[in-house]
PDB file of N, CA and C in Angstrom:
ATOM      1  N   MET A   1       0.952  -1.673   0.471  1.00  0.00           N
ATOM      2  CA  MET A   1      -0.288   0.238   0.290  1.00  0.00           C
ATOM      3  C   MET A   1       0.792   0.981  -0.024  1.00  0.00           C
ATOM      4  N   THR A   2       0.432   1.936  -1.001  1.00  0.00           N
ATOM      5  CA  THR A   2       1.343   3.181  -0.821  1.00  0.00           C
ATOM      6  C   THR A   2       0.887   4.036  -0.085  1.00  0.00           C
ATOM      7  N   ARG A   3       1.917   4.740   0.263  1.00  0.00           N
ATOM      8  CA  ARG A   3       1.245   6.204   1.978  1.00  0.00           C
ATOM      9  C   ARG A   3       1.687   7.057   1.190  1.00  0.00           C
ATOM     10  N   TRP A   4       0.815   8.415   0.809  1.00  0.00           N
ATOM     11  CA  TRP A   4       1.063   9.765   0.337  1.00  0.00           C
ATOM     12  C   TRP A   4       2.037  10.553   1.165  1.00  0.00           C
ATOM     13  N   PRO A   5       2.603  11.310   1.027  1.00  0.00           N
ATOM     14  CA  PRO A   5       2.909  12.762   1.858  1.00  0.00           C
ATOM     15  C   PRO A   5       1.099  13.094   1.929  1.00  0.00           C
ATOM     16  N   ARG A   6       1.700  13.835   3.377  1.00  0.00           N
ATOM     17  CA  ARG A   6       0.407  14.273   3.897  1.00  0.00           C
ATOM     18  C   ARG A   6       0.544  16.510   3.718  1.00  0.00           C
ATOM     19  N   CYS A   7      -0.606  17.293   3.327  1.00  0.00           N
ATOM     20  CA  CYS A   7       0.069  17.939   2.552  1.00  0.00           C
ATOM     21  C   CYS A   7      -1.020  18.938   3.269  1.00  0.00           C
ATOM     22  N   ALA A   8      -1.201  19.675   3.230  1.00  0.00           N
ATOM     23  CA  ALA A   8      -1.713  21.335   3.851  1.00  0.00           C
ATOM     24  C   ALA A   8      -3.387  21.924   3.760  1.00  0.00           C
ATOM     25  N   SER A   9      -3.566  20.687   2.573  1.00  0.00           N
ATOM     26  CA  SER A   9      -5.265  20.176   2.448  1.00  0.00           C
ATOM     27  C   SER A   9      -5.357  19.199   3.275  1.00  0.00           C
ATOM     28  N   SER A  10      -4.734  18.819   3.694  1.00  0.00           N
ATOM     29  CA  SER A  10      -5.893  17.482   4.640  1.00  0.00           C
ATOM     30  C   SER A  10      -5.535  17.645   5.639  1.00  0.00           C
ATOM     31  N   ARG A  11      -4.760  18.956   6.602  1.00  0.00           N
ATOM     32  CA  ARG A  11      -5.578  19.150   8.107  1.00  0.00           C
ATOM     33  C   ARG A  11      -6.766  19.152   8.377  1.00  0.00           C
ATOM     34  N   PRO A  12      -7.306  19.020   9.369  1.00  0.00           N
ATOM     35  CA  PRO A  12      -8.662  19.736   9.423  1.00  0.00           C
ATOM     36  C   PRO A  12      -8.687  20.912   9.592  1.00  0.00           C
ATOM     37  N   ARG A  13      -9.818  21.138   8.585  1.00  0.00           N
ATOM     38  CA  ARG A  13     -10.285  22.611   8.071  1.00  0.00           C
ATOM     39  C   ARG A  13     -11.294  23.076   9.654  1.00  0.00           C
ATOM     40  N   SER A  14     -10.888  24.533   9.492  1.00  0.00           N
ATOM     41  CA  SER A  14     -11.837  25.390  10.530  1.00  0.00           C
ATOM     42  C   SER A  14     -12.951  25.797  10.733  1.00  0.00           C
ATOM     43  N   THR A  15     -14.285  26.281  11.262  1.00  0.00           N
ATOM     44  CA  THR A  15     -15.356  26.567  10.207  1.00  0.00           C
ATOM     45  C   THR A  15     -15.491  28.044  11.025  1.00  0.00           C
ATOM     46  N   ASN A  16     -14.249  28.011  11.669  1.00  0.00           N
ATOM     47  CA  ASN A  16     -14.725  29.488  12.245  1.00  0.00           C
ATOM     48  C   ASN A  16     -14.730  30.657  11.511  1.00  0.00           C
ATOM     49  N   GLY A  17     -16.294  31.627  11.220  1.00  0.00           N
ATOM     50  CA  GLY A  17     -16.586  32.522  10.806  1.00  0.00           C
ATOM     51  C   GLY A  17     -17.320  31.962   9.633  1.00  0.00           C
ATOM     52  N   SER A  18     -17.462  31.578   8.892  1.00  0.00           N
ATOM     53  CA  SER A  18     -17.669  30.064   7.785  1.00  0.00           C
ATOM     54  C   SER A  18     -19.523  30.718   7.855  1.00  0.00           C
ATOM     55  N   TRP A  19     -20.040  30.817   9.392  1.00  0.00           N
ATOM     56  CA  TRP A  19     -21.361  30.638   9.257  1.00  0.00           C
ATOM     57  C   TRP A  19     -21.898  32.310   9.622  1.00  0.00           C
ATOM     58  N   ARG A  20     -20.576  32.851   9.966  1.00  0.00           N
ATOM     59  CA  ARG A  20     -21.821  34.002   9.736  1.00  0.00           C
ATOM     60  C   ARG A  20     -21.690  34.665   8.892  1.00  0.00           C
ATOM     61  N   ALA A  21     -20.697  34.273   7.866  1.00  0.00           N
ATOM     62  CA  ALA A  21     -21.251  34.702   6.155  1.00  0.00           C
ATOM     63  C   ALA A  21     -22.106  34.241   5.666  1.00  0.00           C
ATOM     64  N   THR A  22     -23.131  33.689   6.372  1.00  0.00           N
ATOM     65  CA  THR A  22     -24.216  32.590   5.552  1.00  0.00           C
ATOM     66  C   THR A  22     -25.593  33.026   6.123  1.00  0.00           C
ATOM     67  N   LEU A  23     -26.467  33.171   4.970  1.00  0.00           N
ATOM     68  CA  LEU A  23     -27.365  34.265   5.589  1.00  0.00           C
ATOM     69  C   LEU A  23     -28.366  32.899   5.432  1.00  0.00           C
ATOM     70  N   ILE A  24     -29.195  32.348   6.176  1.00  0.00           N
ATOM     71  CA  ILE A  24     -30.684  31.683   6.176  1.00  0.00           C
ATOM     72  C   ILE A  24     -31.403  32.631   5.729  1.00  0.00           C
ATOM     73  N   THR A  25     -32.435  32.541   4.808  1.00  0.00           N
ATOM     74  CA  THR A  25     -34.022  33.642   4.434  1.00  0.00           C
ATOM     75  C   THR A  25     -34.732  31.860   3.583  1.00  0.00           C
ATOM     76  N   HIS A  26     -36.097  32.989   3.778  1.00  0.00           N
ATOM     77  CA  HIS A  26     -36.441  31.833   2.910  1.00  0.00           C
ATOM     78  C   HIS A  26     -37.209  32.461   1.638  1.00  0.00           C
ATOM     79  N   ILE A  27     -36.979  31.578   0.348  1.00  0.00           N
ATOM     80  CA  ILE A  27     -37.070  31.462  -0.545  1.00  0.00           C
ATOM     81  C   ILE A  27     -38.015  33.287  -1.351  1.00  0.00           C
ATOM     82  N   GLU A  28     -39.603  33.392  -0.669  1.00  0.00           N
ATOM     83  CA  GLU A  28     -40.360  34.241  -0.784  1.00  0.00           C
ATOM     84  C   GLU A  28     -40.047  35.492  -0.326  1.00  0.00           C
ATOM     85  N   GLN A  29     -39.097  35.799   0.826  1.00  0.00           N
ATOM     86  CA  GLN A  29     -37.982  36.870   0.875  1.00  0.00           C
ATOM     87  C   GLN A  29     -37.860  37.348  -0.204  1.00  0.00           C
ATOM     88  N   GLY A  30     -36.444  36.141  -1.017  1.00  0.00           N
ATOM     89  CA  GLY A  30     -35.762  36.713  -1.675  1.00  0.00           C
ATOM     90  C   GLY A  30     -33.524  36.932  -1.095  1.00  0.00           C
ATOM     91  N   LEU A  31     -33.349  36.369  -2.150  1.00  0.00           N
ATOM     92  CA  LEU A  31     -31.805  36.939  -2.564  1.00  0.00           C
ATOM     93  C   LEU A  31     -31.344  37.051  -3.123  1.00  0.00           C
ATOM     94  N   ASP A  32     -29.933  37.951  -2.406  1.00  0.00           N
ATOM     95  CA  ASP A  32     -29.256  38.718  -4.036  1.00  0.00           C
ATOM     96  C   ASP A  32     -27.970  38.048  -3.918  1.00  0.00           C
ATOM     97  N   PHE A  33     -27.696  37.358  -5.000  1.00  0.00           N
ATOM     98  CA  PHE A  33     -26.531  36.446  -5.589  1.00  0.00           C
ATOM     99  C   PHE A  33     -25.593  36.880  -6.843  1.00  0.00           C
ATOM    100  N   LEU A  34     -24.519  37.239  -6.833  1.00  0.00           N
ATOM    101  CA  LEU A  34     -23.735  37.720  -8.156  1.00  0.00           C
ATOM    102  C   LEU A  34     -24.995  38.255  -8.846  1.00  0.00           C
ATOM    103  N   GLY A  35     -25.327  39.491  -8.521  1.00  0.00           N
ATOM    104  CA  GLY A  35     -25.954  40.589  -9.280  1.00  0.00           C
ATOM    105  C   GLY A  35     -27.428  40.488  -9.094  1.00  0.00           C
ATOM    106  N   TRP A  36     -27.877  38.990  -9.060  1.00  0.00           N
ATOM    107  CA  TRP A  36     -29.058  38.587  -9.295  1.00  0.00           C
ATOM    108  C   TRP A  36     -30.672  38.430  -8.039  1.00  0.00           C
ATOM    109  N   ARG A  37     -31.409  39.039  -8.399  1.00  0.00           N
ATOM    110  CA  ARG A  37     -32.691  38.931  -7.305  1.00  0.00           C
ATOM    111  C   ARG A  37     -33.083  37.714  -7.161  1.00  0.00           C
ATOM    112  N   THR A  38     -33.513  36.483  -6.773  1.00  0.00           N
ATOM    113  CA  THR A  38     -33.683  35.551  -6.974  1.00  0.00           C
ATOM    114  C   THR A  38     -35.314  35.201  -5.903  1.00  0.00           C
ATOM    115  N   GLN A  39     -36.005  35.461  -6.004  1.00  0.00           N
ATOM    116  CA  GLN A  39     -37.303  35.008  -5.303  1.00  0.00           C
ATOM    117  C   GLN A  39     -38.500  34.572  -5.922  1.00  0.00           C
ATOM    118  N   ARG A  40     -39.418  34.159  -5.461  1.00  0.00           N
ATOM    119  CA  ARG A  40     -40.499  33.616  -5.001  1.00  0.00           C
ATOM    120  C   ARG A  40     -41.480  34.213  -5.538  1.00  0.00           C
ATOM    121  N   HIS A  41     -42.220  34.400  -6.580  1.00  0.00           N
ATOM    122  CA  HIS A  41     -43.348  34.592  -6.699  1.00  0.00           C
ATOM    123  C   HIS A  41     -44.847  34.103  -7.255  1.00  0.00           C
ATOM    124  N   ARG A  42     -46.424  34.882  -7.108  1.00  0.00           N
ATOM    125  CA  ARG A  42     -46.911  33.680  -7.368  1.00  0.00           C
ATOM    126  C   ARG A  42     -47.265  34.653  -9.403  1.00  0.00           C
ATOM    127  N   LYS A  43     -47.649  33.745  -9.675  1.00  0.00           N
ATOM    128  CA  LYS A  43     -47.882  34.052 -10.589  1.00  0.00           C
ATOM    129  C   LYS A  43     -49.136  34.646 -11.488  1.00  0.00           C
ATOM    130  N   PRO A  44     -49.317  35.882 -11.859  1.00  0.00           N
ATOM    131  CA  PRO A  44     -50.803  36.827 -12.044  1.00  0.00           C
ATOM    132  C   PRO A  44     -51.541  35.851 -12.823  1.00  0.00           C
ATOM    133  N   GLY A  45     -52.642  35.628 -12.005  1.00  0.00           N
ATOM    134  CA  GLY A  45     -54.044  34.714 -13.272  1.00  0.00           C
ATOM    135  C   GLY A  45     -54.242  33.998 -12.291  1.00  0.00           C
ATOM    136  N   SER A  46     -53.410  32.984 -11.378  1.00  0.00           N
ATOM    137  CA  SER A  46     -53.031  31.744 -11.380  1.00  0.00           C
ATOM    138  C   SER A  46     -52.684  31.499  -9.997  1.00  0.00           C
ATOM    139  N   ASN A  47     -52.246  30.619  -9.435  1.00  0.00           N
ATOM    140  CA  ASN A  47     -52.631  30.292  -8.235  1.00  0.00           C
ATOM    141  C   ASN A  47     -51.335  29.095  -7.886  1.00  0.00           C
ATOM    142  N   GLN A  48     -50.224  29.494  -8.884  1.00  0.00           N
ATOM    143  CA  GLN A  48     -49.064  28.472  -9.021  1.00  0.00           C
ATOM    144  C   GLN A  48     -47.797  29.579  -9.087  1.00  0.00           C
ATOM    145  N   TYR A  49     -46.278  29.458  -8.116  1.00  0.00           N
ATOM    146  CA  TYR A  49     -45.674  30.196  -7.975  1.00  0.00           C
ATOM    147  C   TYR A  49     -44.623  29.108  -9.320  1.00  0.00           C
ATOM    148  N   TYR A  50     -43.882  30.853  -8.787  1.00  0.00           N
ATOM    149  CA  TYR A  50     -42.325  30.366 -10.006  1.00  0.00           C
ATOM    150  C   TYR A  50     -41.116  31.083  -9.200  1.00  0.00           C
ATOM    151  N   VAL A  51     -40.290  30.861  -9.695  1.00  0.00           N
ATOM    152  CA  VAL A  51     -39.389  31.503  -8.530  1.00  0.00           C
ATOM    153  C   VAL A  51     -38.667  32.343  -9.754  1.00  0.00           C
ATOM    154  N   TYR A  52     -38.240  33.454  -9.803  1.00  0.00           N
ATOM    155  CA  TYR A  52     -37.726  34.736 -10.222  1.00  0.00           C
ATOM    156  C   TYR A  52     -36.577  35.210 -10.426  1.00  0.00           C
ATOM    157  N   ALA A  53     -35.601  35.304 -11.388  1.00  0.00           N
ATOM    158  CA  ALA A  53     -34.265  35.930 -11.289  1.00  0.00           C
ATOM    159  C   ALA A  53     -34.512  37.133 -11.925  1.00  0.00           C
ATOM    160  N   HIS A  54     -33.977  38.356 -11.676  1.00  0.00           N
ATOM    161  CA  HIS A  54     -33.505  39.279 -12.252  1.00  0.00           C
ATOM    162  C   HIS A  54     -32.883  39.675 -11.285  1.00  0.00           C
ATOM    163  N   PRO A  55     -32.019  41.651 -12.194  1.00  0.00           N
ATOM    164  CA  PRO A  55     -31.003  41.901 -11.406  1.00  0.00           C
ATOM    165  C   PRO A  55     -31.121  43.194 -10.262  1.00  0.00           C
ATOM    166  N   ALA A  56     -30.414  42.698  -9.210  1.00  0.00           N
ATOM    167  CA  ALA A  56     -31.055  43.997  -8.252  1.00  0.00           C
ATOM    168  C   ALA A  56     -30.396  45.192  -7.789  1.00  0.00           C
ATOM    169  N   LYS A  57     -30.970  45.499  -7.491  1.00  0.00           N
ATOM    170  CA  LYS A  57     -30.957  46.627  -7.633  1.00  0.00           C
ATOM    171  C   LYS A  57     -29.566  47.527  -6.961  1.00  0.00           C
ATOM    172  N   LYS A  58     -28.598  47.035  -6.602  1.00  0.00           N
ATOM    173  CA  LYS A  58     -27.328  47.375  -6.343  1.00  0.00           C
ATOM    174  C   LYS A  58     -26.401  46.699  -7.738  1.00  0.00           C
ATOM    175  N   ALA A  59     -27.095  46.094  -8.185  1.00  0.00           N
ATOM    176  CA  ALA A  59     -26.196  46.033  -9.473  1.00  0.00           C
ATOM    177  C   ALA A  59     -26.702  47.158 -10.819  1.00  0.00           C
ATOM    178  N   LEU A  60     -28.289  47.201 -10.623  1.00  0.00           N
ATOM    179  CA  LEU A  60     -28.464  48.452 -11.515  1.00  0.00           C
ATOM    180  C   LEU A  60     -27.789  49.585 -11.087  1.00  0.00           C
ATOM    181  N   TRP A  61     -27.575  49.640  -9.374  1.00  0.00           N
ATOM    182  CA  TRP A  61     -27.023  50.853  -9.583  1.00  0.00           C
ATOM    183  C   TRP A  61     -25.945  51.101  -9.620  1.00  0.00           C
ATOM    184  N   SER A  62     -24.977  50.351  -9.980  1.00  0.00           N
ATOM    185  CA  SER A  62     -23.435  50.170  -9.896  1.00  0.00           C
ATOM    186  C   SER A  62     -23.549  50.341 -11.281  1.00  0.00           C
ATOM    187  N   ILE A  63     -23.968  50.216 -12.826  1.00  0.00           N
ATOM    188  CA  ILE A  63     -23.722  50.324 -13.582  1.00  0.00           C
ATOM    189  C   ILE A  63     -24.737  52.047 -14.100  1.00  0.00           C
ATOM    190  N   MET A  64     -25.365  52.310 -13.306  1.00  0.00           N
ATOM    191  CA  MET A  64     -26.112  53.720 -13.289  1.00  0.00           C
ATOM    192  C   MET A  64     -25.125  54.589 -13.136  1.00  0.00           C
ATOM    193  N   ALA A  65     -24.080  54.567 -11.940  1.00  0.00           N
ATOM    194  CA  ALA A  65     -23.357  55.267 -11.724  1.00  0.00           C
ATOM    195  C   ALA A  65     -21.798  55.104 -12.931  1.00  0.00           C
ATOM    196  N   ALA A  66     -21.334  53.564 -13.236  1.00  0.00           N
ATOM    197  CA  ALA A  66     -20.351  53.566 -14.146  1.00  0.00           C
ATOM    198  C   ALA A  66     -20.858  54.504 -15.323  1.00  0.00           C
ATOM    199  N   VAL A  67     -21.557  54.698 -15.679  1.00  0.00           N
ATOM    200  CA  VAL A  67     -22.900  55.196 -17.194  1.00  0.00           C
ATOM    201  C   VAL A  67     -22.201  56.877 -17.059  1.00  0.00           C
ATOM    202  N   LYS A  68     -22.739  57.534 -15.523  1.00  0.00           N
ATOM    203  CA  LYS A  68     -22.629  58.377 -14.946  1.00  0.00           C
ATOM    204  C   LYS A  68     -21.318  59.023 -15.165  1.00  0.00           C
ATOM    205  N   THR A  69     -20.126  58.349 -14.566  1.00  0.00           N
ATOM    206  CA  THR A  69     -18.604  58.548 -14.060  1.00  0.00           C
ATOM    207  C   THR A  69     -18.518  58.520 -16.337  1.00  0.00           C
ATOM    208  N   LEU A  70     -18.778  57.978 -16.569  1.00  0.00           N
ATOM    209  CA  LEU A  70     -18.180  57.987 -17.889  1.00  0.00           C
ATOM    210  C   LEU A  70     -18.489  59.004 -18.866  1.00  0.00           C
ATOM    211  N   CYS A  71     -20.190  59.517 -18.575  1.00  0.00           N
ATOM    212  CA  CYS A  71     -20.471  60.499 -19.011  1.00  0.00           C
ATOM    213  C   CYS A  71     -19.591  61.826 -18.749  1.00  0.00           C
ATOM    214  N   ARG A  72     -19.385  61.464 -17.301  1.00  0.00           N
ATOM    215  CA  ARG A  72     -18.463  62.990 -16.809  1.00  0.00           C
ATOM    216  C   ARG A  72     -17.339  63.253 -17.334  1.00  0.00           C
ATOM    217  N   GLU A  73     -16.364  61.795 -17.661  1.00  0.00           N
ATOM    218  CA  GLU A  73     -15.338  61.831 -18.100  1.00  0.00           C
ATOM    219  C   GLU A  73     -14.958  62.444 -19.565  1.00  0.00           C
ATOM    220  N   VAL A  74     -16.386  62.133 -20.252  1.00  0.00           N
ATOM    221  CA  VAL A  74     -16.492  62.477 -21.490  1.00  0.00           C
ATOM    222  C   VAL A  74     -16.757  64.050 -21.710  1.00  0.00           C
ATOM    223  N   GLY A  75     -15.437  65.382 -21.939  1.00  0.00           N
ATOM    224  CA  GLY A  75     -15.928  66.548 -21.944  1.00  0.00           C
ATOM    225  C   GLY A  75     -17.120  66.942 -22.626  1.00  0.00           C
ATOM    226  N   THR A  76     -17.682  68.211 -22.585  1.00  0.00           N
ATOM    227  CA  THR A  76     -19.584  68.285 -23.012  1.00  0.00           C
ATOM    228  C   THR A  76     -18.864  68.642 -24.306  1.00  0.00           C
ATOM    229  N   ASN A  77     -18.276  69.221 -24.799  1.00  0.00           N
ATOM    230  CA  ASN A  77     -17.409  69.803 -26.258  1.00  0.00           C
ATOM    231  C   ASN A  77     -16.768  68.844 -26.505  1.00  0.00           C
ATOM    232  N   GLN A  78     -16.986  67.611 -26.564  1.00  0.00           N
ATOM    233  CA  GLN A  78     -16.887  65.978 -27.390  1.00  0.00           C
ATOM    234  C   GLN A  78     -18.282  65.858 -28.107  1.00  0.00           C
ATOM    235  N   PRO A  79     -17.879  64.982 -28.923  1.00  0.00           N
ATOM    236  CA  PRO A  79     -19.310  64.836 -30.286  1.00  0.00           C
ATOM    237  C   PRO A  79     -19.501  63.492 -29.529  1.00  0.00           C
ATOM    238  N   PRO A  80     -21.104  63.612 -29.990  1.00  0.00           N
ATOM    239  CA  PRO A  80     -22.192  62.180 -29.332  1.00  0.00           C
ATOM    240  C   PRO A  80     -21.245  61.056 -29.615  1.00  0.00           C
ATOM    241  N   ASP A  81     -20.515  61.079 -30.242  1.00  0.00           N
ATOM    242  CA  ASP A  81     -19.766  59.989 -30.704  1.00  0.00           C
ATOM    243  C   ASP A  81     -18.650  59.092 -29.969  1.00  0.00           C
ATOM    244  N   ALA A  82     -18.167  59.835 -29.747  1.00  0.00           N
ATOM    245  CA  ALA A  82     -17.082  59.642 -28.439  1.00  0.00           C
ATOM    246  C   ALA A  82     -17.741  59.419 -27.121  1.00  0.00           C
ATOM    247  N   LEU A  83     -18.911  59.554 -26.574  1.00  0.00           N
ATOM    248  CA  LEU A  83     -19.644  59.348 -25.741  1.00  0.00           C
ATOM    249  C   LEU A  83     -19.527  57.544 -25.757  1.00  0.00           C
ATOM    250  N   LEU A  84     -20.741  57.595 -26.947  1.00  0.00           N
ATOM    251  CA  LEU A  84     -21.371  56.244 -27.579  1.00  0.00           C
ATOM    252  C   LEU A  84     -19.288  55.128 -27.541  1.00  0.00           C
ATOM    253  N   VAL A  85     -19.304  55.829 -28.110  1.00  0.00           N
ATOM    254  CA  VAL A  85     -17.453  54.613 -28.284  1.00  0.00           C
ATOM    255  C   VAL A  85     -17.263  53.956 -26.618  1.00  0.00           C
ATOM    256  N   ARG A  86     -17.266  55.312 -25.352  1.00  0.00           N
ATOM    257  CA  ARG A  86     -16.817  54.869 -24.638  1.00  0.00           C
ATOM    258  C   ARG A  86     -18.137  53.827 -23.520  1.00  0.00           C
ATOM    259  N   LEU A  87     -19.475  54.375 -23.559  1.00  0.00           N
ATOM    260  CA  LEU A  87     -20.513  53.584 -22.991  1.00  0.00           C
ATOM    261  C   LEU A  87     -20.618  52.116 -24.053  1.00  0.00           C
ATOM    262  N   ASN A  88     -20.981  51.921 -24.949  1.00  0.00           N
ATOM    263  CA  ASN A  88     -21.509  51.452 -25.512  1.00  0.00           C
ATOM    264  C   ASN A  88     -21.267  49.242 -24.795  1.00  0.00           C
ATOM    265  N   PRO A  89     -19.763  49.806 -24.854  1.00  0.00           N
ATOM    266  CA  PRO A  89     -18.770  47.923 -24.067  1.00  0.00           C
ATOM    267  C   PRO A  89     -19.684  47.937 -23.020  1.00  0.00           C
ATOM    268  N   ALA A  90     -19.930  49.347 -21.510  1.00  0.00           N
ATOM    269  CA  ALA A  90     -19.965  48.838 -20.613  1.00  0.00           C
ATOM    270  C   ALA A  90     -21.287  48.806 -20.556  1.00  0.00           C
ATOM    271  N   VAL A  91     -22.023  49.544 -21.419  1.00  0.00           N
ATOM    272  CA  VAL A  91     -24.127  48.793 -21.330  1.00  0.00           C
ATOM    273  C   VAL A  91     -24.286  47.655 -22.067  1.00  0.00           C
ATOM    274  N   GLN A  92     -23.614  47.125 -22.975  1.00  0.00           N
ATOM    275  CA  GLN A  92     -23.777  45.191 -24.025  1.00  0.00           C
ATOM    276  C   GLN A  92     -23.659  44.697 -22.822  1.00  0.00           C
ATOM    277  N   GLY A  93     -22.695  44.422 -21.958  1.00  0.00           N
ATOM    278  CA  GLY A  93     -21.962  43.956 -21.297  1.00  0.00           C
ATOM    279  C   GLY A  93     -22.525  43.794 -20.374  1.00  0.00           C
ATOM    280  N   TRP A  94     -23.437  44.856 -19.730  1.00  0.00           N
ATOM    281  CA  TRP A  94     -24.238  44.504 -18.428  1.00  0.00           C
ATOM    282  C   TRP A  94     -25.790  44.038 -19.223  1.00  0.00           C
ATOM    283  N   CYS A  95     -26.026  44.046 -20.439  1.00  0.00           N
ATOM    284  CA  CYS A  95     -27.105  43.860 -21.148  1.00  0.00           C
ATOM    285  C   CYS A  95     -26.830  42.062 -21.498  1.00  0.00           C
ATOM    286  N   ALA A  96     -26.019  42.228 -21.289  1.00  0.00           N
ATOM    287  CA  ALA A  96     -25.793  40.565 -21.739  1.00  0.00           C
ATOM    288  C   ALA A  96     -25.551  39.829 -20.731  1.00  0.00           C
ATOM    289  N   TYR A  97     -25.029  40.541 -19.640  1.00  0.00           N
ATOM    290  CA  TYR A  97     -24.838  39.560 -17.987  1.00  0.00           C
ATOM    291  C   TYR A  97     -26.132  39.343 -17.800  1.00  0.00           C
ATOM    292  N   PHE A  98     -27.212  39.866 -17.563  1.00  0.00           N
ATOM    293  CA  PHE A  98     -28.600  40.094 -17.289  1.00  0.00           C
ATOM    294  C   PHE A  98     -29.427  39.722 -18.298  1.00  0.00           C
ATOM    295  N   ARG A  99     -29.513  39.653 -19.614  1.00  0.00           N
ATOM    296  CA  ARG A  99     -30.309  38.990 -21.013  1.00  0.00           C
ATOM    297  C   ARG A  99     -30.893  37.754 -20.149  1.00  0.00           C
ATOM    298  N   PRO A 100     -30.529  36.485 -19.502  1.00  0.00           N
ATOM    299  CA  PRO A 100     -31.089  34.918 -19.683  1.00  0.00           C
ATOM    300  C   PRO A 100     -32.627  35.340 -18.170  1.00  0.00           C
ATOM    301  N   GLY A 101     -32.186  36.198 -17.511  1.00  0.00           N
ATOM    302  CA  GLY A 101     -33.408  36.678 -16.228  1.00  0.00           C
ATOM    303  C   GLY A 101     -34.621  36.932 -16.760  1.00  0.00           C
ATOM    304  N   VAL A 102     -35.595  37.437 -15.893  1.00  0.00           N
ATOM    305  CA  VAL A 102     -36.789  38.041 -15.972  1.00  0.00           C
ATOM    306  C   VAL A 102     -36.133  39.801 -15.890  1.00  0.00           C
ATOM    307  N   SER A 103     -35.598  40.147 -17.030  1.00  0.00           N
ATOM    308  CA  SER A 103     -35.137  41.623 -17.493  1.00  0.00           C
ATOM    309  C   SER A 103     -35.887  42.124 -18.528  1.00  0.00           C
ATOM    310  N   PHE A 104     -36.991  42.367 -18.595  1.00  0.00           N
ATOM    311  CA  PHE A 104     -37.343  43.047 -19.251  1.00  0.00           C
ATOM    312  C   PHE A 104     -38.099  43.994 -19.177  1.00  0.00           C
ATOM    313  N   VAL A 105     -38.375  44.742 -17.698  1.00  0.00           N
ATOM    314  CA  VAL A 105     -38.822  45.743 -17.358  1.00  0.00           C
ATOM    315  C   VAL A 105     -37.584  46.185 -16.497  1.00  0.00           C
ATOM    316  N   THR A 106     -36.535  45.863 -16.268  1.00  0.00           N
ATOM    317  CA  THR A 106     -35.354  46.450 -15.948  1.00  0.00           C
ATOM    318  C   THR A 106     -34.478  46.982 -16.832  1.00  0.00           C
ATOM    319  N   LEU A 107     -34.475  46.926 -18.146  1.00  0.00           N
ATOM    320  CA  LEU A 107     -33.661  46.979 -19.215  1.00  0.00           C
ATOM    321  C   LEU A 107     -34.511  47.867 -20.348  1.00  0.00           C
ATOM    322  N   SER A 108     -35.738  47.666 -20.255  1.00  0.00           N
ATOM    323  CA  SER A 108     -36.758  48.712 -20.913  1.00  0.00           C
ATOM    324  C   SER A 108     -36.954  50.248 -20.622  1.00  0.00           C
TER     325      SER A 108
END
């Protein structure tokens, strides 16, 4: 039988502090994770419940702050094309990330 050398990862791991970072919540209250707000809602017109994922408010505020910063960086004496060249990659990337969810109302 071959014995493998013990490495640092084979030591017993401590769980001190990891429970402090864990938030247990009910799905109807919802949770924010990686910019998504996941929450269970009743489908309008029926008694069925569905889980919806849409962009969290914090993610929306972050892109609005980025757009505001980019608008301020481009001077007012610049043509609109200069502003659009800076804005398009940021907005397109944000929209592409949030496209799979229920983002129609947020993105419109």
